[in-house]
Amino acid sequence: MKTNPYNFFFPIGYHQFHKKQQFNFQLNRPFSWGYADYDDLKSVGNRINDFNDWKTELVKLADITLLKGKVLNSAFYYRAAEFYTFLDDPDKEILYDKFVKLFYKAIEGDTYESHDVPYLNAYLPTIRLQSGNIKRGTIIIHGGFDSFIEEFYSIMKYFSNLGYEVIGFDGCGQGAALRKYGLTWDIEWEKPINTILDYFKLDNVTLIGFSMGGWLSLRASAFVPRIKRVIADGHAIDYMKCYPYLIRMLHLWFMRQRRFEGFVNRMAIKKAEAKNAQAWMTKQSMYITGTNNPMKAFEKVWLALSEENMFSKRVFQDVLLLSGEDDHFIPIKMHKLQKNALVSAKSVTDRIFTKKDHAQNHCQIGNVGLALDIMSKWIEEKNSVDIHP
């Protein structure tokens, strides 16, 4: 597969690069976004057995690819290596810096703007793509729990090529906003959104939030009327409700019993010493919230991302909800709960992607192009209605 930094190709198909889903999804992720080579991923997947192999093998691949002059591919292999590198490993920051340096080197011939938007006592790192001669409106894009805005560049280019001004940013707890400017997690997403709108003097925008960013985008829409259209892709209305009922109740009971806080934290820290998906999730939660206390991190992320805190009843915009039928992070039952909660929305359109679509996974990894086609047609329809009531 050939890619270039100006017009990206979104391949169709979710591939078996690894037998374990936790690794396989993270290998399919850059491939579906148009940043990786199929043969590279197939080869490296065969050499990965555990979390230690993950970093080692992906760094080797990134090094070799860079020597071949495939700068964009190399950047995203370093990013993939960084993803499952644990926070106490000094290589994590090194790999992040390599990814960012190579990413911007790869797109240096493209027409884009980088802005550090002042926010609190720090900055929101922002990429802006102008629309050229055709001006259809403005789209703002952001991610969620574990993404960097650079990863959405191919998606930003897709919309820019259609005539939209596109602005992507890292918010609190994300990307360079956290790593370089120390902005930790804050679910009050309306604050950075208002700051972005003020900085670029924007009104009447479409907001797209991916993964956990879907929750954040709906929360922001409840408080920011300048958002006229919102797309939430791959989120849960309430992250505690992703758990089976009995497990959820047990979690909540322990959280309310403050006398167990020390015990729960000791157990969580002990489990986090292992190198597995649960340990990564715990450490990532602690990192983005800026705390060494697992229980407080759990409260700031997983408990805070609740149906009550989203304020769905205050969302008056046009809404598009997208979900994957076999999303291994978010149970499909979340889709219906969210749709039913948007009782005040101007309109609610939804789509559940299936295996037939090759887009049944989280955030349509496997057929991102189809999802973007659905989004673009929906935005155009709603834009037309707004312009010609």
Protein backbone atom coordinates (compact mmCIF):
# COMPACT_ATOMS: atom_id res chain seq x y z
CA MET A 1 0.00 0.00 0.00
CA LYS A 2 1.30 3.46 -0.90
CA THR A 3 0.43 6.54 1.07
CA ASN A 4 1.49 10.15 0.90
CA PRO A 5 0.95 13.02 3.34
CA TYR A 6 -1.40 14.94 1.07
CA ASN A 7 -4.15 12.57 -0.06
CA PHE A 8 -4.63 9.57 2.16
CA PHE A 9 -6.03 6.19 1.21
CA PHE A 10 -8.34 4.48 3.72
CA PRO A 11 -8.10 0.70 3.13
CA ILE A 12 -11.09 -1.59 3.66
CA GLY A 13 -10.74 -4.59 5.97
CA TYR A 14 -9.93 -5.45 9.57
CA HIS A 15 -6.91 -7.74 9.42
CA GLN A 16 -5.50 -10.45 11.65
CA PHE A 17 -2.13 -8.92 12.39
CA HIS A 18 -2.09 -10.54 15.84
CA LYS A 19 -4.14 -13.24 17.55
CA LYS A 20 -4.80 -11.09 20.63
CA GLN A 21 -7.32 -8.30 20.15
CA GLN A 22 -5.51 -5.86 22.47
CA PHE A 23 -2.52 -5.95 20.09
CA ASN A 24 -4.40 -6.56 16.87
CA PHE A 25 -6.58 -3.47 17.23
CA GLN A 26 -3.59 -1.21 17.85
CA LEU A 27 -1.92 -2.55 14.69
CA ASN A 28 -5.06 -2.11 12.61
CA ARG A 29 -5.47 1.44 13.92
CA PRO A 30 -2.66 3.17 11.93
CA PHE A 31 -3.37 0.93 8.94
CA SER A 32 -7.02 2.00 8.73
CA TRP A 33 -6.04 5.67 9.02
CA GLY A 34 -3.71 5.35 6.03
CA TYR A 35 -0.38 5.56 7.85
CA ALA A 36 1.00 2.01 7.78
CA ASP A 37 2.03 -0.73 5.36
CA TYR A 38 0.18 -4.07 5.42
CA ASP A 39 3.31 -6.21 5.02
CA ASP A 40 5.10 -4.31 7.79
CA LEU A 41 2.27 -4.92 10.24
CA LYS A 42 1.82 -8.57 9.26
CA SER A 43 5.50 -9.19 9.80
CA VAL A 44 5.82 -7.38 13.12
CA GLY A 45 2.63 -8.97 14.47
CA ASN A 46 4.19 -12.40 14.09
CA ARG A 47 7.11 -11.35 16.28
CA ILE A 48 5.09 -9.91 19.18
CA ASN A 49 4.20 -12.20 22.08
CA ASP A 50 3.72 -9.79 24.97
CA PHE A 51 4.02 -6.16 26.06
CA ASN A 52 7.83 -6.34 26.19
CA ASP A 53 8.00 -7.58 22.60
CA TRP A 54 5.57 -4.87 21.56
CA LYS A 55 7.96 -1.99 22.12
CA THR A 56 11.07 -3.84 21.00
CA GLU A 57 9.69 -5.10 17.72
CA LEU A 58 7.87 -1.92 16.74
CA VAL A 59 10.94 0.21 17.42
CA LYS A 60 12.99 -2.11 15.22
CA LEU A 61 10.37 -1.77 12.49
CA ALA A 62 10.31 2.02 12.85
CA ASP A 63 14.12 2.21 12.65
CA ILE A 64 14.28 0.03 9.52
CA THR A 65 11.42 1.90 7.86
CA LEU A 66 13.08 5.23 8.53
CA LEU A 67 16.30 4.03 6.87
CA LYS A 68 14.20 3.22 3.81
CA GLY A 69 12.98 6.81 3.73
CA LYS A 70 9.37 5.98 4.63
CA VAL A 71 9.10 8.80 7.13
CA LEU A 72 5.33 8.80 7.72
CA ASN A 73 5.22 5.03 8.20
CA SER A 74 8.16 5.22 10.59
CA ALA A 75 6.50 7.98 12.61
CA PHE A 76 3.42 5.87 13.23
CA TYR A 77 5.42 2.77 14.11
CA TYR A 78 7.17 4.81 16.81
CA ARG A 79 3.72 5.98 17.92
CA ALA A 80 2.50 2.40 18.05
CA ALA A 81 5.57 1.44 20.10
CA GLU A 82 4.90 4.34 22.47
CA PHE A 83 1.27 3.36 22.97
CA TYR A 84 1.97 0.27 25.10
CA THR A 85 5.21 1.56 26.60
CA PHE A 86 4.46 2.03 30.29
CA LEU A 87 4.81 5.39 31.97
CA ASP A 88 7.74 4.41 34.19
CA ASP A 89 9.79 3.56 31.09
CA PRO A 90 12.01 6.52 30.06
CA ASP A 91 11.60 5.45 26.43
CA LYS A 92 7.98 6.56 26.46
CA GLU A 93 8.83 10.25 26.19
CA ILE A 94 11.62 9.55 23.71
CA LEU A 95 9.26 7.60 21.45
CA TYR A 96 6.64 10.33 21.66
CA ASP A 97 9.19 12.96 20.63
CA LYS A 98 10.37 10.79 17.72
CA PHE A 99 6.80 10.34 16.53
CA VAL A 100 6.05 14.06 16.61
CA LYS A 101 9.33 15.06 14.96
CA LEU A 102 8.90 12.57 12.11
CA PHE A 103 5.21 13.28 11.67
CA TYR A 104 5.78 16.99 11.06
CA LYS A 105 8.77 16.20 8.86
CA ALA A 106 6.52 13.96 6.74
CA ILE A 107 3.89 16.67 6.22
CA GLU A 108 6.27 19.64 5.92
CA GLY A 109 5.32 20.11 2.26
CA ASP A 110 1.64 20.33 3.10
CA THR A 111 -0.32 23.50 3.74
CA TYR A 112 -1.30 23.60 7.39
CA GLU A 113 -0.96 25.84 10.40
CA SER A 114 0.22 24.96 13.90
CA HIS A 115 -1.16 27.05 16.74
CA ASP A 116 -0.55 26.94 20.47
CA VAL A 117 -3.82 28.38 21.71
CA PRO A 118 -3.46 30.03 25.15
CA TYR A 119 -5.51 28.19 27.76
CA LEU A 120 -5.32 28.71 31.53
CA ASN A 121 -1.58 29.03 32.17
CA ALA A 122 -0.67 26.75 29.28
CA TYR A 123 -1.62 26.00 25.66
CA LEU A 124 -3.86 23.80 23.53
CA PRO A 125 -1.77 22.44 20.61
CA THR A 126 -3.81 22.88 17.44
CA ILE A 127 -3.56 21.97 13.74
CA ARG A 128 -5.57 24.03 11.27
CA LEU A 129 -6.26 23.19 7.64
CA GLN A 130 -7.79 25.87 5.45
CA SER A 131 -10.39 24.90 2.87
CA GLY A 132 -9.02 26.66 -0.22
CA ASN A 133 -11.45 28.27 -2.65
CA ILE A 134 -14.53 26.32 -1.51
CA LYS A 135 -15.75 27.22 1.98
CA ARG A 136 -18.39 24.89 3.34
CA GLY A 137 -17.93 25.64 7.02
CA THR A 138 -15.72 24.67 9.95
CA ILE A 139 -15.18 21.27 11.55
CA ILE A 140 -13.43 20.80 14.89
CA ILE A 141 -11.95 17.38 15.68
CA HIS A 142 -10.56 15.82 18.86
CA GLY A 143 -9.92 12.42 20.39
CA GLY A 144 -10.41 10.90 23.80
CA PHE A 145 -8.54 8.79 26.35
CA ASP A 146 -5.33 7.89 24.55
CA SER A 147 -5.06 9.70 21.20
CA PHE A 148 -2.90 12.48 19.78
CA ILE A 149 -4.36 15.03 17.38
CA GLU A 150 -1.66 14.16 14.82
CA GLU A 151 -3.29 10.75 14.44
CA PHE A 152 -6.40 12.38 12.98
CA TYR A 153 -4.51 14.28 10.30
CA SER A 154 -5.66 11.98 7.48
CA ILE A 155 -9.26 12.53 8.59
CA MET A 156 -8.69 16.26 8.77
CA LYS A 157 -7.29 16.18 5.23
CA TYR A 158 -10.35 14.28 4.03
CA PHE A 159 -12.68 17.04 5.19
CA SER A 160 -10.33 19.81 4.09
CA ASN A 161 -10.29 18.35 0.57
CA LEU A 162 -14.10 18.60 0.59
CA GLY A 163 -13.93 22.32 1.24
CA TYR A 164 -14.09 22.59 5.03
CA GLU A 165 -11.86 24.52 7.35
CA VAL A 166 -10.71 21.85 9.82
CA ILE A 167 -9.23 22.42 13.26
CA GLY A 168 -7.91 19.58 15.38
CA PHE A 169 -6.64 20.02 18.92
CA ASP A 170 -5.29 18.23 21.96
CA GLY A 171 -7.34 19.04 25.03
CA CYS A 172 -6.73 18.49 28.73
CA GLY A 173 -5.10 15.12 29.37
CA GLN A 174 -4.27 14.58 25.69
CA GLY A 175 -1.15 14.67 23.53
CA ALA A 176 1.13 17.66 23.85
CA ALA A 177 -1.40 19.54 26.00
CA LEU A 178 -0.53 17.02 28.72
CA ARG A 179 3.01 16.00 27.83
CA LYS A 180 4.44 19.43 27.07
CA TYR A 181 2.11 21.84 28.88
CA GLY A 182 0.92 19.82 31.87
CA LEU A 183 -2.83 20.16 31.27
CA THR A 184 -4.44 17.23 33.05
CA TRP A 185 -7.82 15.60 32.44
CA ASP A 186 -10.96 17.70 32.81
CA ILE A 187 -14.39 16.50 31.69
CA GLU A 188 -15.66 20.10 31.38
CA TRP A 189 -14.85 20.02 27.67
CA GLU A 190 -16.89 23.14 27.02
CA LYS A 191 -13.99 25.16 28.42
CA PRO A 192 -11.33 24.27 25.83
CA ILE A 193 -13.96 24.27 23.07
CA ASN A 194 -15.01 27.82 23.92
CA THR A 195 -11.35 28.83 23.98
CA ILE A 196 -10.76 27.37 20.50
CA LEU A 197 -13.89 29.08 19.15
CA ASP A 198 -12.86 32.42 20.63
CA TYR A 199 -9.27 32.17 19.38
CA PHE A 200 -10.29 31.47 15.77
CA LYS A 201 -13.41 33.68 15.97
CA LEU A 202 -15.73 30.84 15.03
CA ASP A 203 -19.48 30.34 15.07
CA ASN A 204 -21.77 27.71 13.59
CA VAL A 205 -19.32 24.79 13.71
CA THR A 206 -19.48 21.01 13.50
CA LEU A 207 -17.76 19.17 16.36
CA ILE A 208 -16.48 15.59 15.94
CA GLY A 209 -15.32 13.55 18.93
CA PHE A 210 -13.78 10.12 18.49
CA SER A 211 -13.91 7.30 21.07
CA MET A 212 -14.14 8.81 24.56
CA GLY A 213 -14.06 12.10 22.69
CA GLY A 214 -17.64 11.33 21.68
CA TRP A 215 -18.73 11.71 25.30
CA LEU A 216 -16.70 14.91 25.60
CA SER A 217 -18.17 16.36 22.40
CA LEU A 218 -21.74 15.83 23.58
CA ARG A 219 -20.90 17.28 26.99
CA ALA A 220 -19.42 20.38 25.28
CA SER A 221 -22.46 20.71 23.01
CA ALA A 222 -24.72 20.89 26.06
CA PHE A 223 -23.01 24.16 27.06
CA VAL A 224 -21.78 25.70 23.79
CA PRO A 225 -24.55 26.89 21.44
CA ARG A 226 -21.99 27.91 18.83
CA ILE A 227 -21.71 24.19 18.12
CA LYS A 228 -24.53 23.55 15.66
CA ARG A 229 -23.79 19.94 14.69
CA VAL A 230 -22.06 17.22 16.71
CA ILE A 231 -20.79 13.77 15.73
CA ALA A 232 -20.04 11.30 18.51
CA ASP A 233 -18.20 8.21 17.30
CA GLY A 234 -17.51 5.17 19.47
CA HIS A 235 -18.32 6.38 22.98
CA ALA A 236 -20.38 5.25 25.97
CA ILE A 237 -23.04 7.45 27.52
CA ASP A 238 -21.88 6.20 30.93
CA TYR A 239 -18.59 4.32 31.22
CA MET A 240 -19.51 2.51 34.43
CA LYS A 241 -22.49 1.02 32.59
CA CYS A 242 -20.09 -0.77 30.28
CA TYR A 243 -19.51 -3.20 33.15
CA PRO A 244 -21.95 -6.03 33.92
CA TYR A 245 -24.41 -4.95 36.60
CA LEU A 246 -22.95 -6.90 39.55
CA ILE A 247 -19.38 -5.84 38.81
CA ARG A 248 -20.50 -2.23 38.45
CA MET A 249 -22.31 -2.30 41.79
CA LEU A 250 -19.27 -3.85 43.48
CA HIS A 251 -17.00 -1.14 42.06
CA LEU A 252 -19.35 1.61 43.18
CA TRP A 253 -19.70 0.13 46.67
CA PHE A 254 -15.93 0.02 47.17
CA MET A 255 -15.60 3.58 45.87
CA ARG A 256 -18.12 4.83 48.43
CA GLN A 257 -16.40 3.06 51.35
CA ARG A 258 -13.55 5.44 52.04
CA ARG A 259 -12.18 3.15 54.71
CA PHE A 260 -11.12 0.80 51.90
CA GLU A 261 -9.28 3.49 49.91
CA GLY A 262 -5.82 2.47 51.09
CA PHE A 263 -6.50 -1.20 50.39
CA VAL A 264 -7.94 -0.53 46.93
CA ASN A 265 -4.99 1.68 46.00
CA ARG A 266 -2.44 -0.89 47.18
CA MET A 267 -4.15 -3.62 45.17
CA ALA A 268 -4.39 -1.42 42.08
CA ILE A 269 -0.73 -0.41 42.28
CA LYS A 270 0.32 -4.02 42.76
CA LYS A 271 -1.68 -5.12 39.72
CA ALA A 272 -0.26 -2.22 37.72
CA GLU A 273 3.22 -3.63 38.23
CA ALA A 274 2.28 -6.34 35.74
CA LYS A 275 2.47 -5.59 32.05
CA ASN A 276 -1.01 -6.23 30.73
CA ALA A 277 -3.98 -4.29 29.37
CA GLN A 278 -5.50 -3.63 32.80
CA ALA A 279 -2.18 -2.33 34.16
CA TRP A 280 -1.84 -0.05 31.14
CA MET A 281 -5.37 1.28 31.66
CA THR A 282 -4.68 2.04 35.33
CA LYS A 283 -1.40 3.82 34.63
CA GLN A 284 -2.84 5.76 31.71
CA SER A 285 -5.72 6.95 33.93
CA MET A 286 -3.25 8.07 36.59
CA TYR A 287 -1.08 9.82 34.01
CA ILE A 288 -3.80 11.86 32.30
CA THR A 289 -5.29 12.92 35.64
CA GLY A 290 -1.93 13.80 37.17
CA THR A 291 -2.32 11.66 40.27
CA ASN A 292 -0.43 8.74 41.85
CA ASN A 293 -3.65 7.60 43.49
CA PRO A 294 -5.42 4.93 41.37
CA MET A 295 -8.72 5.43 43.17
CA LYS A 296 -8.75 9.17 42.52
CA ALA A 297 -7.80 8.57 38.89
CA PHE A 298 -10.70 6.12 38.58
CA GLU A 299 -13.05 8.74 40.00
CA LYS A 300 -11.82 11.53 37.70
CA VAL A 301 -12.15 9.43 34.55
CA TRP A 302 -14.44 6.43 34.75
CA LEU A 303 -16.87 7.65 37.41
CA ALA A 304 -16.94 11.20 36.07
CA LEU A 305 -17.85 10.07 32.55
CA SER A 306 -21.42 9.43 33.59
CA GLU A 307 -24.82 9.97 32.02
CA GLU A 308 -25.55 12.61 34.64
CA ASN A 309 -22.40 14.62 33.86
CA MET A 310 -23.00 14.58 30.10
CA PHE A 311 -26.25 16.62 30.32
CA SER A 312 -27.77 14.94 27.25
CA LYS A 313 -31.08 16.75 27.82
CA ARG A 314 -29.30 20.07 27.19
CA VAL A 315 -28.03 19.04 23.76
CA PHE A 316 -30.17 20.99 21.27
CA GLN A 317 -28.01 20.48 18.18
CA ASP A 318 -28.21 18.10 15.24
CA VAL A 319 -26.52 14.89 16.40
CA LEU A 320 -24.96 11.97 14.52
CA LEU A 321 -24.19 8.86 16.57
CA LEU A 322 -21.86 6.19 15.14
CA SER A 323 -21.11 2.82 16.74
CA GLY A 324 -19.56 -0.53 15.85
CA GLU A 325 -21.65 -3.64 16.44
CA ASP A 326 -18.62 -5.59 17.72
CA ASP A 327 -16.76 -2.77 19.47
CA HIS A 328 -14.57 -4.58 22.02
CA PHE A 329 -14.36 -1.47 24.23
CA ILE A 330 -17.93 -0.18 24.19
CA PRO A 331 -20.97 -2.54 24.44
CA ILE A 332 -23.49 -1.85 21.69
CA LYS A 333 -26.20 -1.32 24.32
CA MET A 334 -24.59 2.11 24.94
CA HIS A 335 -25.75 3.26 21.52
CA LYS A 336 -29.46 2.92 22.25
CA LEU A 337 -29.09 4.45 25.72
CA GLN A 338 -27.41 7.50 24.20
CA LYS A 339 -29.91 7.86 21.39
CA ASN A 340 -32.85 7.72 23.81
CA ALA A 341 -31.24 10.29 26.12
CA LEU A 342 -31.04 13.01 23.44
CA VAL A 343 -34.61 14.13 23.97
CA SER A 344 -34.02 17.82 23.15
CA ALA A 345 -31.80 17.46 20.09
CA LYS A 346 -32.84 19.22 16.90
CA SER A 347 -32.36 15.88 15.14
CA VAL A 348 -30.70 12.55 15.92
CA THR A 349 -29.27 10.37 13.16
CA ASP A 350 -27.54 7.12 14.01
CA ARG A 351 -25.68 4.28 12.35
CA ILE A 352 -24.50 0.94 13.75
CA PHE A 353 -21.78 -0.54 11.55
CA THR A 354 -21.60 -4.32 11.06
CA LYS A 355 -19.20 -6.97 9.76
CA LYS A 356 -20.80 -6.55 6.36
CA ASP A 357 -19.53 -2.96 6.42
CA HIS A 358 -16.05 -4.09 7.59
CA ALA A 359 -16.54 -1.32 10.16
CA GLN A 360 -17.90 -3.22 13.17
CA ASN A 361 -14.93 -2.36 15.38
CA HIS A 362 -14.21 0.60 17.64
CA CYS A 363 -14.43 3.88 15.67
CA GLN A 364 -14.90 1.90 12.45
CA ILE A 365 -11.31 0.69 12.34
CA GLY A 366 -11.49 -1.55 9.30
CA ASN A 367 -13.42 0.87 7.10
CA VAL A 368 -12.77 4.45 8.18
CA GLY A 369 -13.56 5.64 4.67
CA LEU A 370 -17.17 4.48 4.97
CA ALA A 371 -17.60 6.32 8.27
CA LEU A 372 -16.16 9.50 6.78
CA ASP A 373 -18.52 9.24 3.83
CA ILE A 374 -21.47 8.95 6.23
CA MET A 375 -20.20 11.94 8.23
CA SER A 376 -19.56 14.17 5.23
CA LYS A 377 -22.99 13.54 3.69
CA TRP A 378 -24.67 14.20 7.02
CA ILE A 379 -22.75 17.45 7.57
CA GLU A 380 -23.58 18.62 4.06
CA GLU A 381 -27.27 17.86 4.60
CA LYS A 382 -27.42 19.66 7.95
CA ASN A 383 -25.36 22.58 6.65
CA SER A 384 -27.79 22.99 3.77
CA VAL A 385 -30.75 23.02 6.14
CA ASP A 386 -29.08 25.66 8.32
CA ILE A 387 -28.28 27.87 5.36
CA HIS A 388 -31.68 27.45 3.67
CA PRO A 389 -34.29 26.93 6.41
